[in-house]
Amino acid sequence: MALEFSDSNFEQEVLNSGDTPVLVDFWAEWCGPCRMIGPLVEELATEYEGKAIIGKMNIDNNPGTPMKYGVRSIPTLLVFKNGEVVDKVVGAVPKTTLSDKLDNQLR
């Protein structure tokens, strides 16, 4: 199951994860494309368990972090490694696009 990231746990869970890739799905309940990609993020959380960290951040409840990373449209998915953004996807995309981005960071 995908983790729930918040402004308060973001540094600990995402930025301090070392060289483990972290996929963060920035979403909101009112966003149709977010609801389309949500189940894919959950599937990835199961498939990459032990290899990568997968989580979601509700931008309505946590405005600080999305603002810091320039999230202007949702869904936006950022891949972090060693505390830095290493990849980005904006919009609803196929699951293979997301898994390819994670696989690139696991090499």
C-alpha atoms as a PDB file:
ATOM      1  CA  MET A   1       0.000   0.000   0.000  1.00  0.00           C
ATOM      2  CA  ALA A   2       1.241   3.463  -0.872  1.00  0.00           C
ATOM      3  CA  LEU A   3       2.419   5.615   2.026  1.00  0.00           C
ATOM      4  CA  GLU A   4       0.724   8.887   2.943  1.00  0.00           C
ATOM      5  CA  PHE A   5       3.224  11.721   2.835  1.00  0.00           C
ATOM      6  CA  SER A   6       2.571  15.047   4.554  1.00  0.00           C
ATOM      7  CA  ASP A   7       4.352  18.353   4.981  1.00  0.00           C
ATOM      8  CA  SER A   8       5.420  17.151   8.442  1.00  0.00           C
ATOM      9  CA  ASN A   9       6.859  13.735   7.454  1.00  0.00           C
ATOM     10  CA  PHE A  10       8.179  14.597   3.971  1.00  0.00           C
ATOM     11  CA  GLU A  11      11.761  15.276   5.017  1.00  0.00           C
ATOM     12  CA  GLN A  12      12.017  12.079   7.068  1.00  0.00           C
ATOM     13  CA  GLU A  13      10.199   9.761   4.634  1.00  0.00           C
ATOM     14  CA  VAL A  14      11.352  11.177   1.281  1.00  0.00           C
ATOM     15  CA  LEU A  15      14.391  13.422   1.549  1.00  0.00           C
ATOM     16  CA  ASN A  16      16.206  11.204   4.072  1.00  0.00           C
ATOM     17  CA  SER A  17      15.603   7.957   2.173  1.00  0.00           C
ATOM     18  CA  GLY A  18      19.188   7.806   0.883  1.00  0.00           C
ATOM     19  CA  ASP A  19      19.705   6.083  -2.445  1.00  0.00           C
ATOM     20  CA  THR A  20      16.332   4.323  -2.295  1.00  0.00           C
ATOM     21  CA  PRO A  21      14.134   5.851  -5.027  1.00  0.00           C
ATOM     22  CA  VAL A  22      10.934   7.494  -3.801  1.00  0.00           C
ATOM     23  CA  LEU A  23       7.914   8.125  -6.044  1.00  0.00           C
ATOM     24  CA  VAL A  24       5.605  10.851  -4.733  1.00  0.00           C
ATOM     25  CA  ASP A  25       2.154  11.263  -6.284  1.00  0.00           C
ATOM     26  CA  PHE A  26       0.840  14.798  -5.681  1.00  0.00           C
ATOM     27  CA  TRP A  27      -2.952  14.574  -5.956  1.00  0.00           C
ATOM     28  CA  ALA A  28      -6.316  15.888  -4.747  1.00  0.00           C
ATOM     29  CA  GLU A  29      -9.713  14.229  -4.291  1.00  0.00           C
ATOM     30  CA  TRP A  30     -11.439  16.549  -6.787  1.00  0.00           C
ATOM     31  CA  CYS A  31      -8.958  15.718  -9.572  1.00  0.00           C
ATOM     32  CA  GLY A  32     -10.299  13.241 -12.163  1.00  0.00           C
ATOM     33  CA  PRO A  33      -6.924  12.267 -13.676  1.00  0.00           C
ATOM     34  CA  CYS A  34      -5.607  11.766 -10.120  1.00  0.00           C
ATOM     35  CA  ARG A  35      -8.335   9.195  -9.501  1.00  0.00           C
ATOM     36  CA  MET A  36      -7.313   7.441 -12.726  1.00  0.00           C
ATOM     37  CA  ILE A  37      -3.644   7.163 -11.752  1.00  0.00           C
ATOM     38  CA  GLY A  38      -4.233   6.405  -8.048  1.00  0.00           C
ATOM     39  CA  PRO A  39      -4.789   2.641  -8.492  1.00  0.00           C
ATOM     40  CA  LEU A  40      -1.617   2.412 -10.593  1.00  0.00           C
ATOM     41  CA  VAL A  41       0.370   4.050  -7.799  1.00  0.00           C
ATOM     42  CA  GLU A  42      -1.067   1.501  -5.358  1.00  0.00           C
ATOM     43  CA  GLU A  43      -0.037  -1.368  -7.675  1.00  0.00           C
ATOM     44  CA  LEU A  44       3.487   0.041  -7.944  1.00  0.00           C
ATOM     45  CA  ALA A  45       3.700   0.261  -4.147  1.00  0.00           C
ATOM     46  CA  THR A  46       3.102  -3.488  -3.965  1.00  0.00           C
ATOM     47  CA  GLU A  47       5.354  -4.375  -6.892  1.00  0.00           C
ATOM     48  CA  TYR A  48       8.301  -2.263  -5.705  1.00  0.00           C
ATOM     49  CA  GLU A  49       8.046  -3.127  -2.011  1.00  0.00           C
ATOM     50  CA  GLY A  50      11.568  -3.467  -0.633  1.00  0.00           C
ATOM     51  CA  LYS A  51      13.096  -1.787  -3.708  1.00  0.00           C
ATOM     52  CA  ALA A  52      11.522   1.688  -3.760  1.00  0.00           C
ATOM     53  CA  ILE A  53       9.242   3.842  -1.626  1.00  0.00           C
ATOM     54  CA  ILE A  54       5.907   4.789  -3.159  1.00  0.00           C
ATOM     55  CA  GLY A  55       3.563   7.333  -1.627  1.00  0.00           C
ATOM     56  CA  LYS A  56       0.958   9.990  -2.160  1.00  0.00           C
ATOM     57  CA  MET A  57       0.559  13.558  -0.935  1.00  0.00           C
ATOM     58  CA  ASN A  58      -2.823  15.295  -0.873  1.00  0.00           C
ATOM     59  CA  ILE A  59      -2.035  18.855  -1.975  1.00  0.00           C
ATOM     60  CA  ASP A  60      -5.156  20.292  -0.329  1.00  0.00           C
ATOM     61  CA  ASN A  61      -4.078  19.031   3.102  1.00  0.00           C
ATOM     62  CA  ASN A  62      -0.352  19.708   2.582  1.00  0.00           C
ATOM     63  CA  PRO A  63       0.221  22.908   0.575  1.00  0.00           C
ATOM     64  CA  GLY A  64       3.817  23.608   1.648  1.00  0.00           C
ATOM     65  CA  THR A  65       5.689  20.769  -0.037  1.00  0.00           C
ATOM     66  CA  PRO A  66       3.966  21.029  -3.448  1.00  0.00           C
ATOM     67  CA  MET A  67       4.670  24.768  -3.456  1.00  0.00           C
ATOM     68  CA  LYS A  68       8.342  24.154  -2.641  1.00  0.00           C
ATOM     69  CA  TYR A  69       8.695  21.753  -5.588  1.00  0.00           C
ATOM     70  CA  GLY A  70       6.720  23.864  -8.071  1.00  0.00           C
ATOM     71  CA  VAL A  71       3.768  21.523  -8.424  1.00  0.00           C
ATOM     72  CA  ARG A  72       1.339  23.582 -10.507  1.00  0.00           C
ATOM     73  CA  SER A  73      -0.896  20.909 -12.012  1.00  0.00           C
ATOM     74  CA  ILE A  74      -1.935  17.497 -10.786  1.00  0.00           C
ATOM     75  CA  PRO A  75      -1.336  14.694 -10.912  1.00  0.00           C
ATOM     76  CA  THR A  76       2.377  15.421 -10.709  1.00  0.00           C
ATOM     77  CA  LEU A  77       4.643  12.529  -9.806  1.00  0.00           C
ATOM     78  CA  LEU A  78       8.183  13.251  -8.687  1.00  0.00           C
ATOM     79  CA  VAL A  79      10.926  10.679  -8.264  1.00  0.00           C
ATOM     80  CA  PHE A  80      13.451  11.487  -5.539  1.00  0.00           C
ATOM     81  CA  LYS A  81      16.820   9.899  -4.888  1.00  0.00           C
ATOM     82  CA  ASN A  82      19.367  11.072  -2.310  1.00  0.00           C
ATOM     83  CA  GLY A  83      17.035  13.933  -1.386  1.00  0.00           C
ATOM     84  CA  GLU A  84      16.905  15.355  -4.924  1.00  0.00           C
ATOM     85  CA  VAL A  85      14.267  15.284  -7.659  1.00  0.00           C
ATOM     86  CA  VAL A  86      15.655  13.013 -10.373  1.00  0.00           C
ATOM     87  CA  ASP A  87      12.562  12.602 -12.569  1.00  0.00           C
ATOM     88  CA  LYS A  88       9.096  14.067 -13.085  1.00  0.00           C
ATOM     89  CA  VAL A  89       5.808  13.117 -14.735  1.00  0.00           C
ATOM     90  CA  VAL A  90       2.835  15.455 -15.113  1.00  0.00           C
ATOM     91  CA  GLY A  91      -0.602  14.105 -15.959  1.00  0.00           C
ATOM     92  CA  ALA A  92      -2.162  10.677 -16.121  1.00  0.00           C
ATOM     93  CA  VAL A  93       0.280   8.301 -17.792  1.00  0.00           C
ATOM     94  CA  PRO A  94       0.427   4.531 -18.334  1.00  0.00           C
ATOM     95  CA  LYS A  95       1.786   2.406 -15.517  1.00  0.00           C
ATOM     96  CA  THR A  96       4.744   1.396 -17.686  1.00  0.00           C
ATOM     97  CA  THR A  97       5.868   5.030 -17.830  1.00  0.00           C
ATOM     98  CA  LEU A  98       6.054   5.148 -14.039  1.00  0.00           C
ATOM     99  CA  SER A  99       7.716   1.755 -13.672  1.00  0.00           C
ATOM    100  CA  ASP A 100      10.312   2.731 -16.313  1.00  0.00           C
ATOM    101  CA  LYS A 101      11.165   5.870 -14.311  1.00  0.00           C
ATOM    102  CA  LEU A 102      11.617   3.788 -11.137  1.00  0.00           C
ATOM    103  CA  ASP A 103      13.617   1.109 -12.928  1.00  0.00           C
ATOM    104  CA  ASN A 104      16.003   3.773 -14.260  1.00  0.00           C
ATOM    105  CA  GLN A 105      16.770   4.794 -10.657  1.00  0.00           C
ATOM    106  CA  LEU A 106      17.274   1.203  -9.506  1.00  0.00           C
ATOM    107  CA  ARG A 107      20.068   0.502 -12.004  1.00  0.00           C
END
